[in-house]
Amino acid sequence: MKNRIKIICFVMILLVIPYKVYGSTIEESKYITHVKQDLLVLMLAYPEQIIDIEKDSNDSIYIIMKNGKKILYDDKKEKTYDQKFFNADLEDTLSDIYPLNMIDKVMDNNYDPGRIRNYGFLGAMYGESKSEIEKNLSSISTYYGTVMFSTVNKASEELKAALNDISNTLQRGARDESYVAPLSGGYNYRHIQDTGLLSAHAYGISIDLNRNDSDYWKWVSKEEGSRRIASYPQAIVEAFENHGFVWGGKWAHFDILHFEYRPEIILKAKYFGDNKQEYLENWYGDIEVNENIEGIINLINKKLGE
């Protein structure tokens, strides 16, 4: 009887104590994989801007920017949606997986992949002030008009390529083209209404296409927004996504005319979305590893451990 009680107690202890994987719990191992994947997509998205990774004595992880600025990856705080929106760390900005499939209705409440931004990170790349940002702007000419856009991270090149793909795909004068032109604007140094936060337009990394009264979550109901989303041409959305842009139509706070250059969001969805991380042999998944990517993987392993 005593032996049976001992066995039962031992089994209960095993159920309570987290299973260890190479010296860490399963949850810790999943978290480390999550961190590494986020760092990888950030460094792949912005290879000229992120030059190193640092882990301090408190296990806080930072990315080191070209201008020397250190950006904290994860502040380890549980946050409400509003707290993320106003004070996001890098982990927060990548926490919602962007859906690469086409959708036909407004996303679930507060699911906004790409709308959460780390402003220290954006400032370190695109400029900390209006004058700094404007030094990096270029006027690009496209079939649909001329747009001012940032040259940093090849954002302007990718915008031009996306609009060129659209002009080559859509039939001239067809209904679908009415969703594109006339363009509503690119660079605009302004704040998001009622927030005090800079718009992505202020950094020269987003563009608004032809405006419709059903495009914005503050203007219309979810039902009206869903009808607009369901009618939106897939060719337009895919062209932008193929060049590193997220679509505001895939936000619960929908902004359907809005496309924003956030290649890290697209890369995370491509490589680590749809629960792919549960089936990976390596933490970096099925990414085709070349010399450059291998160097990034080795750096991440060196800084955070194999």
Protein backbone atom coordinates (compact mmCIF):
# COMPACT_ATOMS: atom_id res chain seq x y z
CA MET A 1 0.00 0.00 0.00
CA LYS A 2 2.81 2.39 0.91
CA ASN A 3 4.58 1.65 -2.36
CA ARG A 4 1.38 2.34 -4.30
CA ILE A 5 0.99 5.70 -2.55
CA LYS A 6 4.62 6.55 -3.37
CA ILE A 7 4.05 5.73 -7.04
CA ILE A 8 0.89 7.85 -7.17
CA CYS A 9 2.70 10.77 -5.52
CA PHE A 10 5.62 10.44 -7.93
CA VAL A 11 3.28 10.50 -10.94
CA MET A 12 1.50 13.56 -9.56
CA ILE A 13 4.84 15.34 -9.14
CA LEU A 14 5.73 14.57 -12.75
CA LEU A 15 2.43 16.05 -13.88
CA VAL A 16 3.00 19.22 -11.87
CA ILE A 17 6.68 19.81 -12.68
CA PRO A 18 7.17 21.02 -16.27
CA TYR A 19 8.93 18.48 -18.45
CA LYS A 20 12.57 19.41 -19.07
CA VAL A 21 14.04 19.78 -22.53
CA TYR A 22 17.84 20.16 -22.62
CA GLY A 23 17.84 21.85 -19.25
CA SER A 24 14.80 24.06 -19.80
CA THR A 25 11.05 23.54 -19.59
CA ILE A 26 8.98 22.95 -22.69
CA GLU A 27 7.51 26.43 -22.32
CA GLU A 28 10.97 27.98 -22.05
CA SER A 29 12.08 26.05 -25.11
CA LYS A 30 9.05 27.25 -27.08
CA TYR A 31 9.73 30.82 -25.98
CA ILE A 32 13.37 30.65 -27.08
CA THR A 33 12.28 29.28 -30.46
CA HIS A 34 9.73 32.10 -30.72
CA VAL A 35 12.41 34.71 -29.94
CA LYS A 36 14.84 33.26 -32.46
CA GLN A 37 12.22 33.19 -35.20
CA ASP A 38 11.27 36.81 -34.55
CA LEU A 39 14.89 37.92 -34.60
CA LEU A 40 15.49 36.01 -37.81
CA VAL A 41 12.60 37.62 -39.70
CA LEU A 42 13.60 41.06 -38.42
CA MET A 43 17.17 40.62 -39.60
CA LEU A 44 16.05 39.20 -42.95
CA ALA A 45 13.65 42.11 -43.43
CA TYR A 46 16.13 44.83 -42.48
CA PRO A 47 19.63 43.48 -43.20
CA GLU A 48 21.25 46.89 -43.54
CA GLN A 49 19.63 48.31 -40.40
CA ILE A 50 20.07 45.60 -37.73
CA ILE A 51 23.75 44.92 -37.18
CA ASP A 52 23.86 42.84 -33.99
CA ILE A 53 21.99 41.22 -31.09
CA GLU A 54 22.76 41.71 -27.42
CA LYS A 55 21.68 39.77 -24.32
CA ASP A 56 22.43 41.41 -20.98
CA SER A 57 22.94 39.97 -17.48
CA ASN A 58 19.18 40.14 -16.84
CA ASP A 59 18.48 38.04 -19.96
CA SER A 60 16.96 41.05 -21.71
CA ILE A 61 17.44 40.84 -25.47
CA TYR A 62 18.13 43.84 -27.70
CA ILE A 63 18.70 44.38 -31.38
CA ILE A 64 21.47 46.83 -32.22
CA MET A 65 20.69 49.26 -35.00
CA LYS A 66 23.06 50.74 -37.56
CA ASN A 67 22.84 54.11 -35.80
CA GLY A 68 23.90 52.48 -32.50
CA LYS A 69 20.45 52.51 -30.91
CA LYS A 70 19.45 49.48 -28.84
CA ILE A 71 15.84 48.30 -29.17
CA LEU A 72 14.42 45.98 -26.51
CA TYR A 73 12.86 42.84 -27.96
CA ASP A 74 10.57 41.83 -25.07
CA ASP A 75 9.77 43.77 -21.89
CA LYS A 76 8.12 40.59 -20.46
CA LYS A 77 4.97 42.51 -19.51
CA GLU A 78 1.42 41.26 -19.94
CA LYS A 79 -0.42 43.98 -21.84
CA THR A 80 -3.89 44.90 -22.89
CA TYR A 81 -4.49 45.74 -26.53
CA ASP A 82 -4.28 49.48 -25.83
CA GLN A 83 -1.03 49.06 -23.91
CA LYS A 84 0.47 47.25 -26.89
CA PHE A 85 -0.83 49.86 -29.29
CA PHE A 86 0.70 52.75 -27.35
CA ASN A 87 3.83 51.07 -25.96
CA ALA A 88 4.75 48.03 -28.02
CA ASP A 89 8.02 46.15 -27.78
CA LEU A 90 9.27 44.24 -30.80
CA GLU A 91 7.71 41.00 -29.60
CA ASP A 92 4.31 42.71 -29.45
CA THR A 93 4.61 43.90 -33.06
CA LEU A 94 5.02 40.30 -34.26
CA SER A 95 2.58 38.59 -31.92
CA ASP A 96 -0.37 38.48 -34.36
CA ILE A 97 0.29 36.27 -37.38
CA TYR A 98 -0.74 37.99 -40.60
CA PRO A 99 -3.13 35.86 -42.73
CA LEU A 100 -1.67 35.33 -46.19
CA ASN A 101 -4.94 33.87 -47.45
CA MET A 102 -7.60 36.23 -48.78
CA ILE A 103 -10.35 37.07 -46.29
CA ASP A 104 -13.99 38.07 -46.83
CA LYS A 105 -14.91 39.82 -43.58
CA VAL A 106 -13.51 42.01 -40.83
CA MET A 107 -10.98 40.26 -38.58
CA ASP A 108 -11.80 39.30 -34.99
CA ASN A 109 -11.72 41.95 -32.28
CA ASN A 110 -8.28 43.54 -31.77
CA TYR A 111 -6.56 41.19 -34.24
CA ASP A 112 -4.39 43.72 -36.07
CA PRO A 113 -1.20 42.17 -37.53
CA GLY A 114 0.96 45.14 -38.51
CA ARG A 115 -1.06 47.90 -36.81
CA ILE A 116 0.99 47.49 -33.61
CA ARG A 117 4.26 49.38 -34.11
CA ASN A 118 7.44 49.97 -32.12
CA TYR A 119 8.17 53.64 -32.70
CA GLY A 120 11.73 53.52 -31.41
CA PHE A 121 12.46 50.89 -34.05
CA LEU A 122 10.79 52.86 -36.84
CA GLY A 123 12.57 56.04 -35.79
CA ALA A 124 15.97 54.35 -35.71
CA MET A 125 15.48 53.21 -39.30
CA TYR A 126 13.51 55.93 -41.06
CA GLY A 127 14.32 59.01 -39.00
CA GLU A 128 13.64 60.45 -35.54
CA SER A 129 12.28 63.76 -36.81
CA LYS A 130 10.47 65.19 -39.79
CA SER A 131 13.70 66.57 -41.23
CA GLU A 132 15.52 63.24 -40.83
CA ILE A 133 12.66 61.33 -42.42
CA GLU A 134 12.43 63.73 -45.36
CA LYS A 135 16.13 63.28 -46.15
CA ASN A 136 15.32 59.66 -46.96
CA LEU A 137 12.34 60.32 -49.22
CA SER A 138 12.25 59.91 -52.97
CA SER A 139 9.61 60.69 -55.56
CA ILE A 140 8.67 57.59 -57.53
CA SER A 141 6.71 57.66 -60.74
CA THR A 142 4.20 54.89 -61.48
CA TYR A 143 1.35 54.24 -63.87
CA TYR A 144 -1.04 55.36 -61.12
CA GLY A 145 0.77 58.56 -60.23
CA THR A 146 3.77 60.00 -58.42
CA VAL A 147 4.35 59.14 -54.74
CA MET A 148 6.81 60.32 -52.10
CA PHE A 149 8.17 57.30 -50.25
CA SER A 150 11.14 56.31 -48.10
CA THR A 151 14.21 54.87 -49.82
CA VAL A 152 15.31 53.12 -46.59
CA ASN A 153 15.11 49.31 -46.71
CA LYS A 154 14.30 49.64 -50.44
CA ALA A 155 10.74 50.57 -49.47
CA SER A 156 10.27 52.89 -52.46
CA GLU A 157 11.61 50.25 -54.84
CA GLU A 158 9.19 47.67 -53.48
CA LEU A 159 6.27 50.09 -53.72
CA LYS A 160 7.05 50.83 -57.35
CA ALA A 161 7.38 47.12 -58.11
CA ALA A 162 4.03 46.37 -56.43
CA LEU A 163 2.21 49.09 -58.39
CA ASN A 164 3.90 47.96 -61.60
CA ASP A 165 2.73 44.38 -60.96
CA ILE A 166 -0.79 45.66 -60.44
CA SER A 167 -0.75 47.76 -63.62
CA ASN A 168 0.50 44.74 -65.58
CA THR A 169 -2.16 42.45 -64.09
CA LEU A 170 -5.34 44.51 -64.07
CA GLN A 171 -7.14 45.26 -67.29
CA ARG A 172 -6.94 48.92 -68.27
CA GLY A 173 -10.07 50.77 -67.28
CA ALA A 174 -11.59 47.71 -65.61
CA ARG A 175 -13.57 48.00 -62.39
CA ASP A 176 -10.67 46.61 -60.35
CA GLU A 177 -8.48 49.55 -61.30
CA SER A 178 -10.95 51.86 -59.58
CA TYR A 179 -9.74 50.41 -56.27
CA VAL A 180 -6.24 51.74 -56.99
CA ALA A 181 -6.45 55.19 -58.54
CA PRO A 182 -6.51 57.99 -57.91
CA LEU A 183 -4.06 57.36 -55.10
CA SER A 184 -4.92 59.02 -51.78
CA GLY A 185 -1.32 59.57 -50.73
CA GLY A 186 2.04 58.26 -49.53
CA TYR A 187 4.30 60.32 -47.28
CA ASN A 188 2.41 62.63 -44.94
CA TYR A 189 3.95 63.77 -41.66
CA ARG A 190 0.87 63.44 -39.46
CA HIS A 191 -0.44 61.69 -36.36
CA ILE A 192 -3.06 58.98 -36.10
CA GLN A 193 -6.30 60.66 -35.10
CA ASP A 194 -6.97 60.78 -31.32
CA THR A 195 -3.74 58.95 -30.42
CA GLY A 196 -0.77 61.34 -30.51
CA LEU A 197 1.18 58.58 -32.30
CA LEU A 198 2.84 59.15 -35.65
CA SER A 199 1.13 57.55 -38.59
CA ALA A 200 3.12 55.08 -40.69
CA HIS A 201 2.64 57.68 -43.44
CA ALA A 202 4.88 60.00 -41.41
CA TYR A 203 7.79 57.61 -41.96
CA GLY A 204 7.12 57.34 -45.69
CA ILE A 205 6.35 53.60 -45.52
CA SER A 206 2.64 53.44 -46.29
CA ILE A 207 0.34 54.31 -49.14
CA ASP A 208 -3.41 54.82 -49.36
CA LEU A 209 -5.11 53.79 -52.58
CA ASN A 210 -8.37 55.19 -53.92
CA ARG A 211 -10.65 56.03 -51.02
CA ASN A 212 -14.10 54.58 -50.46
CA ASP A 213 -16.49 55.57 -47.68
CA SER A 214 -16.51 51.96 -46.40
CA ASP A 215 -12.73 51.78 -45.97
CA TYR A 216 -12.17 52.82 -42.35
CA TRP A 217 -13.34 51.30 -39.07
CA LYS A 218 -14.33 54.66 -37.58
CA TRP A 219 -16.51 55.55 -40.57
CA VAL A 220 -18.72 52.48 -40.96
CA SER A 221 -20.00 49.32 -39.29
CA LYS A 222 -18.23 45.97 -39.41
CA GLU A 223 -20.93 44.73 -41.78
CA GLU A 224 -20.19 47.51 -44.27
CA GLY A 225 -16.45 46.97 -43.85
CA SER A 226 -16.89 43.24 -44.48
CA ARG A 227 -18.78 43.89 -47.72
CA ARG A 228 -15.97 46.13 -48.92
CA ILE A 229 -13.31 43.56 -47.93
CA ALA A 230 -15.19 40.74 -49.69
CA SER A 231 -15.26 42.76 -52.91
CA TYR A 232 -11.62 43.82 -52.81
CA PRO A 233 -9.52 42.52 -55.74
CA GLN A 234 -7.18 39.75 -54.63
CA ALA A 235 -4.64 40.70 -57.29
CA ILE A 236 -4.06 44.08 -55.60
CA VAL A 237 -3.58 42.59 -52.14
CA GLU A 238 -1.27 39.83 -53.34
CA ALA A 239 0.88 42.24 -55.35
CA PHE A 240 1.54 44.33 -52.27
CA GLU A 241 2.10 41.33 -49.99
CA ASN A 242 4.59 39.87 -52.47
CA HIS A 243 6.65 43.04 -52.00
CA GLY A 244 6.55 43.16 -48.19
CA PHE A 245 3.41 45.23 -47.56
CA VAL A 246 0.62 44.38 -45.12
CA TRP A 247 -2.97 45.30 -45.97
CA GLY A 248 -5.04 47.29 -43.49
CA GLY A 249 -8.05 45.31 -44.66
CA LYS A 250 -6.70 42.43 -42.59
CA TRP A 251 -7.04 44.37 -39.35
CA ALA A 252 -9.96 44.33 -36.91
CA HIS A 253 -9.49 48.12 -36.91
CA PHE A 254 -9.80 47.93 -40.68
CA ASP A 255 -8.16 50.49 -42.93
CA ILE A 256 -8.94 48.99 -46.31
CA LEU A 257 -7.28 51.55 -48.58
CA HIS A 258 -4.02 51.33 -46.56
CA PHE A 259 -0.89 49.29 -47.43
CA GLU A 260 2.17 49.48 -45.18
CA TYR A 261 5.74 48.29 -45.78
CA ARG A 262 6.36 45.76 -43.01
CA PRO A 263 8.34 42.89 -44.58
CA GLU A 264 9.02 41.24 -41.21
CA ILE A 265 5.27 40.67 -40.74
CA ILE A 266 5.01 38.98 -44.15
CA LEU A 267 8.13 36.87 -43.56
CA LYS A 268 6.89 35.62 -40.20
CA ALA A 269 3.57 34.61 -41.73
CA LYS A 270 5.32 32.89 -44.63
CA TYR A 271 7.83 30.90 -42.60
CA PHE A 272 6.24 30.48 -39.18
CA GLY A 273 2.50 30.99 -39.61
CA ASP A 274 -0.30 28.41 -39.51
CA ASN A 275 1.25 26.61 -36.52
CA LYS A 276 4.24 25.57 -38.64
CA GLN A 277 6.50 25.99 -35.61
CA GLU A 278 4.95 22.86 -34.07
CA TYR A 279 6.37 20.67 -36.81
CA LEU A 280 9.86 22.10 -37.28
CA GLU A 281 13.00 20.01 -37.15
CA ASN A 282 15.04 23.17 -36.65
CA TRP A 283 13.88 26.41 -35.04
CA TYR A 284 14.34 28.19 -38.38
CA GLY A 285 12.01 25.78 -40.15
CA ASP A 286 12.11 25.14 -43.88
CA ILE A 287 13.75 28.41 -44.89
CA GLU A 288 16.13 27.79 -47.76
CA VAL A 289 19.47 28.53 -46.10
CA ASN A 290 22.07 30.38 -48.12
CA GLU A 291 25.37 31.82 -46.91
CA ASN A 292 23.78 35.05 -45.72
CA ILE A 293 20.92 33.37 -43.83
CA GLU A 294 23.32 30.85 -42.34
CA GLY A 295 25.35 33.75 -40.95
CA ILE A 296 22.24 35.23 -39.30
CA ILE A 297 21.23 31.85 -37.85
CA ASN A 298 24.72 31.34 -36.45
CA LEU A 299 24.70 34.82 -34.89
CA ILE A 300 21.33 34.18 -33.22
CA ASN A 301 22.50 30.81 -31.90
CA LYS A 302 25.70 32.35 -30.63
CA LYS A 303 23.89 35.11 -28.76
CA LEU A 304 20.99 33.03 -27.41
CA GLY A 305 22.43 29.52 -27.31
CA GLU A 306 22.01 26.49 -29.57
